[in-house]
Amino acid sequence: MNEIYKTLAEGYEKLAAGYRALAKDQKDEKVEMAVPAEPEKKEISIEEVRAVLAAKTQAGKRREVKELLLKYDSGKLSGVKPENYAALMADAEAL
């Protein structure tokens, strides 16, 4: 068992030495982290939401669609705020 611990310790020592060498080589260089650009959020139109809701209604989920519209403070699609279209569409697709 002691041999395993010695092997692990030697491995960590080699790893630390490698990091020290990298730090020494890159002492003057600035390392910039690449930050992935946030994907643009596509605006969802009322027509897209209407199409999804119509498909769900035709699939026999009329009551559930009506409940979703009421959840977003309206009994009809035209009363739903545009900022809620994405959430409404996600809920509708989950039906």
PDB file of N, CA and C in Angstrom:
ATOM      1  N   MET A   1       0.823  -1.188   0.000  1.00  0.00           N
ATOM      2  CA  MET A   1       0.000   0.000   0.000  1.00  0.00           C
ATOM      3  C   MET A   1       0.870   1.256   0.000  1.00  0.00           C
ATOM      4  N   ASN A   2       1.987   1.204   0.718  1.00  0.00           N
ATOM      5  CA  ASN A   2       2.886   2.359   0.762  1.00  0.00           C
ATOM      6  C   ASN A   2       3.437   2.685  -0.614  1.00  0.00           C
ATOM      7  N   GLU A   3       3.631   1.659  -1.425  1.00  0.00           N
ATOM      8  CA  GLU A   3       4.174   1.852  -2.775  1.00  0.00           C
ATOM      9  C   GLU A   3       3.209   2.683  -3.630  1.00  0.00           C
ATOM     10  N   ILE A   4       1.908   2.480  -3.456  1.00  0.00           N
ATOM     11  CA  ILE A   4       0.907   3.250  -4.209  1.00  0.00           C
ATOM     12  C   ILE A   4       1.007   4.726  -3.846  1.00  0.00           C
ATOM     13  N   TYR A   5       1.126   4.999  -2.551  1.00  0.00           N
ATOM     14  CA  TYR A   5       1.214   6.393  -2.104  1.00  0.00           C
ATOM     15  C   TYR A   5       2.490   7.062  -2.614  1.00  0.00           C
ATOM     16  N   LYS A   6       3.580   6.311  -2.643  1.00  0.00           N
ATOM     17  CA  LYS A   6       4.823   6.866  -3.164  1.00  0.00           C
ATOM     18  C   LYS A   6       4.693   7.189  -4.650  1.00  0.00           C
ATOM     19  N   THR A   7       4.061   6.283  -5.384  1.00  0.00           N
ATOM     20  CA  THR A   7       3.863   6.495  -6.816  1.00  0.00           C
ATOM     21  C   THR A   7       2.984   7.714  -7.061  1.00  0.00           C
ATOM     22  N   LEU A   8       1.923   7.847  -6.293  1.00  0.00           N
ATOM     23  CA  LEU A   8       1.049   9.016  -6.416  1.00  0.00           C
ATOM     24  C   LEU A   8       1.804  10.307  -6.098  1.00  0.00           C
ATOM     25  N   ALA A   9       2.580  10.293  -5.047  1.00  0.00           N
ATOM     26  CA  ALA A   9       3.333  11.483  -4.646  1.00  0.00           C
ATOM     27  C   ALA A   9       4.324  11.881  -5.736  1.00  0.00           C
ATOM     28  N   GLU A  10       4.993  10.909  -6.331  1.00  0.00           N
ATOM     29  CA  GLU A  10       5.938  11.205  -7.404  1.00  0.00           C
ATOM     30  C   GLU A  10       5.218  11.796  -8.611  1.00  0.00           C
ATOM     31  N   GLY A  11       4.042  11.261  -8.904  1.00  0.00           N
ATOM     32  CA  GLY A  11       3.256  11.777 -10.026  1.00  0.00           C
ATOM     33  C   GLY A  11       2.858  13.232  -9.797  1.00  0.00           C
ATOM     34  N   TYR A  12       2.427  13.539  -8.584  1.00  0.00           N
ATOM     35  CA  TYR A  12       2.049  14.921  -8.265  1.00  0.00           C
ATOM     36  C   TYR A  12       3.256  15.857  -8.305  1.00  0.00           C
ATOM     37  N   GLU A  13       4.410  15.362  -7.878  1.00  0.00           N
ATOM     38  CA  GLU A  13       5.621  16.176  -7.942  1.00  0.00           C
ATOM     39  C   GLU A  13       5.984  16.501  -9.387  1.00  0.00           C
ATOM     40  N   LYS A  14       5.865  15.515 -10.271  1.00  0.00           N
ATOM     41  CA  LYS A  14       6.147  15.749 -11.690  1.00  0.00           C
ATOM     42  C   LYS A  14       5.141  16.729 -12.287  1.00  0.00           C
ATOM     43  N   LEU A  15       3.893  16.589 -11.907  1.00  0.00           N
ATOM     44  CA  LEU A  15       2.857  17.493 -12.390  1.00  0.00           C
ATOM     45  C   LEU A  15       3.122  18.921 -11.920  1.00  0.00           C
ATOM     46  N   ALA A  16       3.479  19.077 -10.656  1.00  0.00           N
ATOM     47  CA  ALA A  16       3.778  20.399 -10.117  1.00  0.00           C
ATOM     48  C   ALA A  16       4.995  21.004 -10.810  1.00  0.00           C
ATOM     49  N   ALA A  17       5.990  20.202 -11.083  1.00  0.00           N
ATOM     50  CA  ALA A  17       7.184  20.701 -11.773  1.00  0.00           C
ATOM     51  C   ALA A  17       6.823  21.156 -13.178  1.00  0.00           C
ATOM     52  N   GLY A  18       5.956  20.436 -13.836  1.00  0.00           N
ATOM     53  CA  GLY A  18       5.518  20.823 -15.173  1.00  0.00           C
ATOM     54  C   GLY A  18       4.781  22.152 -15.152  1.00  0.00           C
ATOM     55  N   TYR A  19       3.905  22.327 -14.164  1.00  0.00           N
ATOM     56  CA  TYR A  19       3.182  23.603 -14.047  1.00  0.00           C
ATOM     57  C   TYR A  19       4.130  24.757 -13.726  1.00  0.00           C
ATOM     58  N   ARG A  20       5.126  24.499 -12.888  1.00  0.00           N
ATOM     59  CA  ARG A  20       6.108  25.552 -12.580  1.00  0.00           C
ATOM     60  C   ARG A  20       6.880  25.956 -13.835  1.00  0.00           C
ATOM     61  N   ALA A  21       7.243  24.964 -14.646  1.00  0.00           N
ATOM     62  CA  ALA A  21       7.965  25.253 -15.890  1.00  0.00           C
ATOM     63  C   ALA A  21       7.083  26.058 -16.841  1.00  0.00           C
ATOM     64  N   LEU A  22       5.829  25.714 -16.942  1.00  0.00           N
ATOM     65  CA  LEU A  22       4.911  26.473 -17.789  1.00  0.00           C
ATOM     66  C   LEU A  22       4.763  27.905 -17.293  1.00  0.00           C
ATOM     67  N   ALA A  23       4.653  28.065 -15.993  1.00  0.00           N
ATOM     68  CA  ALA A  23       4.502  29.402 -15.426  1.00  0.00           C
ATOM     69  C   ALA A  23       5.753  30.230 -15.678  1.00  0.00           C
ATOM     70  N   LYS A  24       6.896  29.602 -15.595  1.00  0.00           N
ATOM     71  CA  LYS A  24       8.153  30.314 -15.823  1.00  0.00           C
ATOM     72  C   LYS A  24       8.269  30.735 -17.288  1.00  0.00           C
ATOM     73  N   ASP A  25       7.879  29.854 -18.215  1.00  0.00           N
ATOM     74  CA  ASP A  25       7.956  30.155 -19.641  1.00  0.00           C
ATOM     75  C   ASP A  25       6.966  31.240 -20.042  1.00  0.00           C
ATOM     76  N   GLN A  26       5.828  31.281 -19.405  1.00  0.00           N
ATOM     77  CA  GLN A  26       4.779  32.218 -19.780  1.00  0.00           C
ATOM     78  C   GLN A  26       4.698  33.395 -18.818  1.00  0.00           C
ATOM     79  N   LYS A  27       5.768  33.671 -18.155  1.00  0.00           N
ATOM     80  CA  LYS A  27       5.783  34.715 -17.144  1.00  0.00           C
ATOM     81  C   LYS A  27       5.379  36.065 -17.729  1.00  0.00           C
ATOM     82  N   ASP A  28       5.890  36.390 -18.892  1.00  0.00           N
ATOM     83  CA  ASP A  28       5.626  37.686 -19.493  1.00  0.00           C
ATOM     84  C   ASP A  28       4.404  37.677 -20.408  1.00  0.00           C
ATOM     85  N   GLU A  29       3.927  36.526 -20.778  1.00  0.00           N
ATOM     86  CA  GLU A  29       2.786  36.434 -21.674  1.00  0.00           C
ATOM     87  C   GLU A  29       1.486  36.488 -20.883  1.00  0.00           C
ATOM     88  N   LYS A  30       0.536  37.183 -21.451  1.00  0.00           N
ATOM     89  CA  LYS A  30      -0.781  37.204 -20.834  1.00  0.00           C
ATOM     90  C   LYS A  30      -1.602  36.078 -21.449  1.00  0.00           C
ATOM     91  N   VAL A  31      -2.229  35.319 -20.620  1.00  0.00           N
ATOM     92  CA  VAL A  31      -3.070  34.234 -21.090  1.00  0.00           C
ATOM     93  C   VAL A  31      -4.507  34.728 -21.018  1.00  0.00           C
ATOM     94  N   GLU A  32      -5.156  34.754 -22.166  1.00  0.00           N
ATOM     95  CA  GLU A  32      -6.538  35.193 -22.209  1.00  0.00           C
ATOM     96  C   GLU A  32      -7.433  33.979 -22.354  1.00  0.00           C
ATOM     97  N   MET A  33      -8.430  33.960 -21.527  1.00  0.00           N
ATOM     98  CA  MET A  33      -9.401  32.877 -21.588  1.00  0.00           C
ATOM     99  C   MET A  33     -10.421  33.216 -22.659  1.00  0.00           C
ATOM    100  N   ALA A  34     -10.711  32.263 -23.488  1.00  0.00           N
ATOM    101  CA  ALA A  34     -11.710  32.471 -24.524  1.00  0.00           C
ATOM    102  C   ALA A  34     -13.096  32.308 -23.907  1.00  0.00           C
ATOM    103  N   VAL A  35     -13.868  33.369 -23.960  1.00  0.00           N
ATOM    104  CA  VAL A  35     -15.222  33.336 -23.426  1.00  0.00           C
ATOM    105  C   VAL A  35     -16.169  33.133 -24.599  1.00  0.00           C
ATOM    106  N   PRO A  36     -16.923  32.045 -24.562  1.00  0.00           N
ATOM    107  CA  PRO A  36     -17.833  31.809 -25.681  1.00  0.00           C
ATOM    108  C   PRO A  36     -18.887  32.901 -25.737  1.00  0.00           C
ATOM    109  N   ALA A  37     -19.149  33.345 -26.938  1.00  0.00           N
ATOM    110  CA  ALA A  37     -20.156  34.385 -27.127  1.00  0.00           C
ATOM    111  C   ALA A  37     -21.528  33.807 -26.818  1.00  0.00           C
ATOM    112  N   GLU A  38     -22.324  34.617 -26.168  1.00  0.00           N
ATOM    113  CA  GLU A  38     -23.673  34.175 -25.829  1.00  0.00           C
ATOM    114  C   GLU A  38     -24.497  34.134 -27.105  1.00  0.00           C
ATOM    115  N   PRO A  39     -25.124  33.004 -27.360  1.00  0.00           N
ATOM    116  CA  PRO A  39     -25.901  32.929 -28.592  1.00  0.00           C
ATOM    117  C   PRO A  39     -27.048  33.933 -28.556  1.00  0.00           C
ATOM    118  N   GLU A  40     -27.300  34.514 -29.707  1.00  0.00           N
ATOM    119  CA  GLU A  40     -28.378  35.491 -29.784  1.00  0.00           C
ATOM    120  C   GLU A  40     -29.704  34.782 -29.601  1.00  0.00           C
ATOM    121  N   LYS A  41     -30.536  35.399 -28.797  1.00  0.00           N
ATOM    122  CA  LYS A  41     -31.853  34.827 -28.578  1.00  0.00           C
ATOM    123  C   LYS A  41     -32.764  35.266 -29.706  1.00  0.00           C
ATOM    124  N   LYS A  42     -33.283  34.287 -30.396  1.00  0.00           N
ATOM    125  CA  LYS A  42     -34.156  34.564 -31.526  1.00  0.00           C
ATOM    126  C   LYS A  42     -35.511  35.008 -30.997  1.00  0.00           C
ATOM    127  N   GLU A  43     -35.998  36.092 -31.525  1.00  0.00           N
ATOM    128  CA  GLU A  43     -37.323  36.562 -31.162  1.00  0.00           C
ATOM    129  C   GLU A  43     -38.356  35.602 -31.738  1.00  0.00           C
ATOM    130  N   ILE A  44     -39.262  35.188 -30.907  1.00  0.00           N
ATOM    131  CA  ILE A  44     -40.312  34.280 -31.347  1.00  0.00           C
ATOM    132  C   ILE A  44     -41.523  35.120 -31.708  1.00  0.00           C
ATOM    133  N   SER A  45     -42.043  34.879 -32.875  1.00  0.00           N
ATOM    134  CA  SER A  45     -43.190  35.666 -33.334  1.00  0.00           C
ATOM    135  C   SER A  45     -44.492  35.027 -32.878  1.00  0.00           C
ATOM    136  N   ILE A  46     -45.520  35.825 -32.898  1.00  0.00           N
ATOM    137  CA  ILE A  46     -46.841  35.337 -32.509  1.00  0.00           C
ATOM    138  C   ILE A  46     -47.312  34.243 -33.460  1.00  0.00           C
ATOM    139  N   GLU A  47     -46.890  34.324 -34.730  1.00  0.00           N
ATOM    140  CA  GLU A  47     -47.280  33.312 -35.707  1.00  0.00           C
ATOM    141  C   GLU A  47     -46.692  31.947 -35.357  1.00  0.00           C
ATOM    142  N   GLU A  48     -45.438  31.945 -34.876  1.00  0.00           N
ATOM    143  CA  GLU A  48     -44.802  30.681 -34.493  1.00  0.00           C
ATOM    144  C   GLU A  48     -45.524  30.052 -33.305  1.00  0.00           C
ATOM    145  N   VAL A  49     -45.871  30.887 -32.335  1.00  0.00           N
ATOM    146  CA  VAL A  49     -46.589  30.386 -31.160  1.00  0.00           C
ATOM    147  C   VAL A  49     -47.966  29.888 -31.582  1.00  0.00           C
ATOM    148  N   ARG A  50     -48.634  30.642 -32.434  1.00  0.00           N
ATOM    149  CA  ARG A  50     -49.963  30.257 -32.909  1.00  0.00           C
ATOM    150  C   ARG A  50     -49.910  28.897 -33.610  1.00  0.00           C
ATOM    151  N   ALA A  51     -48.879  28.663 -34.398  1.00  0.00           N
ATOM    152  CA  ALA A  51     -48.753  27.389 -35.115  1.00  0.00           C
ATOM    153  C   ALA A  51     -48.610  26.224 -34.139  1.00  0.00           C
ATOM    154  N   VAL A  52     -47.802  26.410 -33.106  1.00  0.00           N
ATOM    155  CA  VAL A  52     -47.616  25.336 -32.122  1.00  0.00           C
ATOM    156  C   VAL A  52     -48.911  25.088 -31.361  1.00  0.00           C
ATOM    157  N   LEU A  53     -49.566  26.172 -30.941  1.00  0.00           N
ATOM    158  CA  LEU A  53     -50.825  26.018 -30.207  1.00  0.00           C
ATOM    159  C   LEU A  53     -51.906  25.383 -31.077  1.00  0.00           C
ATOM    160  N   ALA A  54     -51.958  25.751 -32.347  1.00  0.00           N
ATOM    161  CA  ALA A  54     -52.948  25.172 -33.260  1.00  0.00           C
ATOM    162  C   ALA A  54     -52.699  23.675 -33.429  1.00  0.00           C
ATOM    163  N   ALA A  55     -51.443  23.293 -33.535  1.00  0.00           N
ATOM    164  CA  ALA A  55     -51.123  21.870 -33.689  1.00  0.00           C
ATOM    165  C   ALA A  55     -51.545  21.091 -32.447  1.00  0.00           C
ATOM    166  N   LYS A  56     -51.329  21.668 -31.280  1.00  0.00           N
ATOM    167  CA  LYS A  56     -51.723  20.996 -30.037  1.00  0.00           C
ATOM    168  C   LYS A  56     -53.242  20.920 -29.920  1.00  0.00           C
ATOM    169  N   THR A  57     -53.922  21.972 -30.344  1.00  0.00           N
ATOM    170  CA  THR A  57     -55.384  21.969 -30.318  1.00  0.00           C
ATOM    171  C   THR A  57     -55.932  20.887 -31.244  1.00  0.00           C
ATOM    172  N   GLN A  58     -55.363  20.777 -32.437  1.00  0.00           N
ATOM    173  CA  GLN A  58     -55.808  19.764 -33.384  1.00  0.00           C
ATOM    174  C   GLN A  58     -55.492  18.355 -32.899  1.00  0.00           C
ATOM    175  N   ALA A  59     -54.477  18.258 -32.023  1.00  0.00           N
ATOM    176  CA  ALA A  59     -54.110  16.946 -31.483  1.00  0.00           C
ATOM    177  C   ALA A  59     -54.996  16.565 -30.292  1.00  0.00           C
ATOM    178  N   GLY A  60     -56.030  17.403 -30.012  1.00  0.00           N
ATOM    179  CA  GLY A  60     -56.964  17.072 -28.949  1.00  0.00           C
ATOM    180  C   GLY A  60     -56.613  17.648 -27.593  1.00  0.00           C
ATOM    181  N   LYS A  61     -55.752  18.626 -27.557  1.00  0.00           N
ATOM    182  CA  LYS A  61     -55.326  19.214 -26.286  1.00  0.00           C
ATOM    183  C   LYS A  61     -55.879  20.626 -26.123  1.00  0.00           C
ATOM    184  N   ARG A  62     -57.106  20.811 -26.536  1.00  0.00           N
ATOM    185  CA  ARG A  62     -57.737  22.138 -26.506  1.00  0.00           C
ATOM    186  C   ARG A  62     -57.803  22.697 -25.084  1.00  0.00           C
ATOM    187  N   ARG A  63     -58.209  21.868 -24.130  1.00  0.00           N
ATOM    188  CA  ARG A  63     -58.332  22.323 -22.741  1.00  0.00           C
ATOM    189  C   ARG A  63     -56.970  22.732 -22.177  1.00  0.00           C
ATOM    190  N   GLU A  64     -55.929  21.944 -22.464  1.00  0.00           N
ATOM    191  CA  GLU A  64     -54.592  22.254 -21.970  1.00  0.00           C
ATOM    192  C   GLU A  64     -54.061  23.547 -22.571  1.00  0.00           C
ATOM    193  N   VAL A  65     -54.354  23.776 -23.848  1.00  0.00           N
ATOM    194  CA  VAL A  65     -53.931  25.014 -24.514  1.00  0.00           C
ATOM    195  C   VAL A  65     -54.610  26.209 -23.856  1.00  0.00           C
ATOM    196  N   LYS A  66     -55.886  26.078 -23.570  1.00  0.00           N
ATOM    197  CA  LYS A  66     -56.636  27.155 -22.924  1.00  0.00           C
ATOM    198  C   LYS A  66     -56.057  27.453 -21.538  1.00  0.00           C
ATOM    199  N   GLU A  67     -55.699  26.398 -20.803  1.00  0.00           N
ATOM    200  CA  GLU A  67     -55.086  26.571 -19.480  1.00  0.00           C
ATOM    201  C   GLU A  67     -53.741  27.284 -19.583  1.00  0.00           C
ATOM    202  N   LEU A  68     -52.961  26.956 -20.610  1.00  0.00           N
ATOM    203  CA  LEU A  68     -51.680  27.644 -20.809  1.00  0.00           C
ATOM    204  C   LEU A  68     -51.891  29.132 -21.077  1.00  0.00           C
ATOM    205  N   LEU A  69     -52.855  29.450 -21.907  1.00  0.00           N
ATOM    206  CA  LEU A  69     -53.128  30.855 -22.202  1.00  0.00           C
ATOM    207  C   LEU A  69     -53.558  31.597 -20.936  1.00  0.00           C
ATOM    208  N   LEU A  70     -54.340  30.946 -20.095  1.00  0.00           N
ATOM    209  CA  LEU A  70     -54.747  31.571 -18.838  1.00  0.00           C
ATOM    210  C   LEU A  70     -53.569  31.709 -17.883  1.00  0.00           C
ATOM    211  N   LYS A  71     -52.635  30.777 -17.955  1.00  0.00           N
ATOM    212  CA  LYS A  71     -51.430  30.851 -17.121  1.00  0.00           C
ATOM    213  C   LYS A  71     -50.637  32.115 -17.442  1.00  0.00           C
ATOM    214  N   TYR A  72     -50.659  32.521 -18.696  1.00  0.00           N
ATOM    215  CA  TYR A  72     -49.922  33.714 -19.111  1.00  0.00           C
ATOM    216  C   TYR A  72     -50.851  34.931 -19.178  1.00  0.00           C
ATOM    217  N   ASP A  73     -51.810  34.989 -18.252  1.00  0.00           N
ATOM    218  CA  ASP A  73     -52.677  36.148 -18.021  1.00  0.00           C
ATOM    219  C   ASP A  73     -53.586  36.503 -19.181  1.00  0.00           C
ATOM    220  N   SER A  74     -54.031  35.543 -19.934  1.00  0.00           N
ATOM    221  CA  SER A  74     -54.923  35.851 -21.037  1.00  0.00           C
ATOM    222  C   SER A  74     -55.732  34.622 -21.401  1.00  0.00           C
ATOM    223  N   GLY A  75     -56.879  34.865 -21.970  1.00  0.00           N
ATOM    224  CA  GLY A  75     -57.672  33.753 -22.456  1.00  0.00           C
ATOM    225  C   GLY A  75     -57.457  33.538 -23.937  1.00  0.00           C
ATOM    226  N   LYS A  76     -56.677  34.443 -24.542  1.00  0.00           N
ATOM    227  CA  LYS A  76     -56.399  34.318 -25.976  1.00  0.00           C
ATOM    228  C   LYS A  76     -54.955  34.735 -26.250  1.00  0.00           C
ATOM    229  N   LEU A  77     -54.438  34.285 -27.356  1.00  0.00           N
ATOM    230  CA  LEU A  77     -53.031  34.496 -27.690  1.00  0.00           C
ATOM    231  C   LEU A  77     -52.687  35.972 -27.846  1.00  0.00           C
ATOM    232  N   SER A  78     -53.583  36.760 -28.399  1.00  0.00           N
ATOM    233  CA  SER A  78     -53.283  38.172 -28.614  1.00  0.00           C
ATOM    234  C   SER A  78     -53.090  38.938 -27.306  1.00  0.00           C
ATOM    235  N   GLY A  79     -53.542  38.373 -26.191  1.00  0.00           N
ATOM    236  CA  GLY A  79     -53.365  39.027 -24.899  1.00  0.00           C
ATOM    237  C   GLY A  79     -52.073  38.662 -24.194  1.00  0.00           C
ATOM    238  N   VAL A  80     -51.341  37.708 -24.725  1.00  0.00           N
ATOM    239  CA  VAL A  80     -50.078  37.292 -24.115  1.00  0.00           C
ATOM    240  C   VAL A  80     -48.987  38.291 -24.483  1.00  0.00           C
ATOM    241  N   LYS A  81     -48.182  38.662 -23.498  1.00  0.00           N
ATOM    242  CA  LYS A  81     -47.092  39.617 -23.738  1.00  0.00           C
ATOM    243  C   LYS A  81     -46.005  38.953 -24.587  1.00  0.00           C
ATOM    244  N   PRO A  82     -45.411  39.698 -25.527  1.00  0.00           N
ATOM    245  CA  PRO A  82     -44.368  39.119 -26.392  1.00  0.00           C
ATOM    246  C   PRO A  82     -43.180  38.530 -25.629  1.00  0.00           C
ATOM    247  N   GLU A  83     -42.861  39.070 -24.459  1.00  0.00           N
ATOM    248  CA  GLU A  83     -41.735  38.519 -23.703  1.00  0.00           C
ATOM    249  C   GLU A  83     -42.058  37.145 -23.108  1.00  0.00           C
ATOM    250  N   ASN A  84     -43.332  36.769 -23.126  1.00  0.00           N
ATOM    251  CA  ASN A  84     -43.729  35.457 -22.621  1.00  0.00           C
ATOM    252  C   ASN A  84     -43.893  34.412 -23.719  1.00  0.00           C
ATOM    253  N   TYR A  85     -43.684  34.791 -24.980  1.00  0.00           N
ATOM    254  CA  TYR A  85     -43.876  33.861 -26.093  1.00  0.00           C
ATOM    255  C   TYR A  85     -42.976  32.639 -25.975  1.00  0.00           C
ATOM    256  N   ALA A  86     -41.722  32.851 -25.623  1.00  0.00           N
ATOM    257  CA  ALA A  86     -40.783  31.726 -25.557  1.00  0.00           C
ATOM    258  C   ALA A  86     -41.213  30.727 -24.492  1.00  0.00           C
ATOM    259  N   ALA A  87     -41.592  31.220 -23.325  1.00  0.00           N
ATOM    260  CA  ALA A  87     -42.008  30.332 -22.240  1.00  0.00           C
ATOM    261  C   ALA A  87     -43.310  29.610 -22.604  1.00  0.00           C
ATOM    262  N   LEU A  88     -44.245  30.348 -23.207  1.00  0.00           N
ATOM    263  CA  LEU A  88     -45.512  29.751 -23.615  1.00  0.00           C
ATOM    264  C   LEU A  88     -45.267  28.649 -24.653  1.00  0.00           C
ATOM    265  N   MET A  89     -44.390  28.932 -25.594  1.00  0.00           N
ATOM    266  CA  MET A  89     -44.101  27.953 -26.647  1.00  0.00           C
ATOM    267  C   MET A  89     -43.437  26.708 -26.044  1.00  0.00           C
ATOM    268  N   ALA A  90     -42.525  26.909 -25.088  1.00  0.00           N
ATOM    269  CA  ALA A  90     -41.871  25.764 -24.449  1.00  0.00           C
ATOM    270  C   ALA A  90     -42.887  24.924 -23.683  1.00  0.00           C
ATOM    271  N   ASP A  91     -43.796  25.584 -22.972  1.00  0.00           N
ATOM    272  CA  ASP A  91     -44.830  24.856 -22.245  1.00  0.00           C
ATOM    273  C   ASP A  91     -45.746  24.097 -23.196  1.00  0.00           C
ATOM    274  N   ALA A  92     -46.079  24.741 -24.306  1.00  0.00           N
ATOM    275  CA  ALA A  92     -46.966  24.105 -25.274  1.00  0.00           C
ATOM    276  C   ALA A  92     -46.299  22.886 -25.906  1.00  0.00           C
ATOM    277  N   GLU A  93     -45.035  22.985 -26.217  1.00  0.00           N
ATOM    278  CA  GLU A  93     -44.333  21.856 -26.828  1.00  0.00           C
ATOM    279  C   GLU A  93     -44.199  20.699 -25.853  1.00  0.00           C
ATOM    280  N   ALA A  94     -44.224  21.001 -24.541  1.00  0.00           N
ATOM    281  CA  ALA A  94     -44.101  19.957 -23.534  1.00  0.00           C
ATOM    282  C   ALA A  94     -45.412  19.174 -23.358  1.00  0.00           C
ATOM    283  N   LEU A  95     -46.504  19.702 -23.900  1.00  0.00           N
ATOM    284  CA  LEU A  95     -47.795  18.992 -23.768  1.00  0.00           C
ATOM    285  C   LEU A  95     -47.770  17.663 -24.492  1.00  0.00           C
TER     286      LEU A  95
END
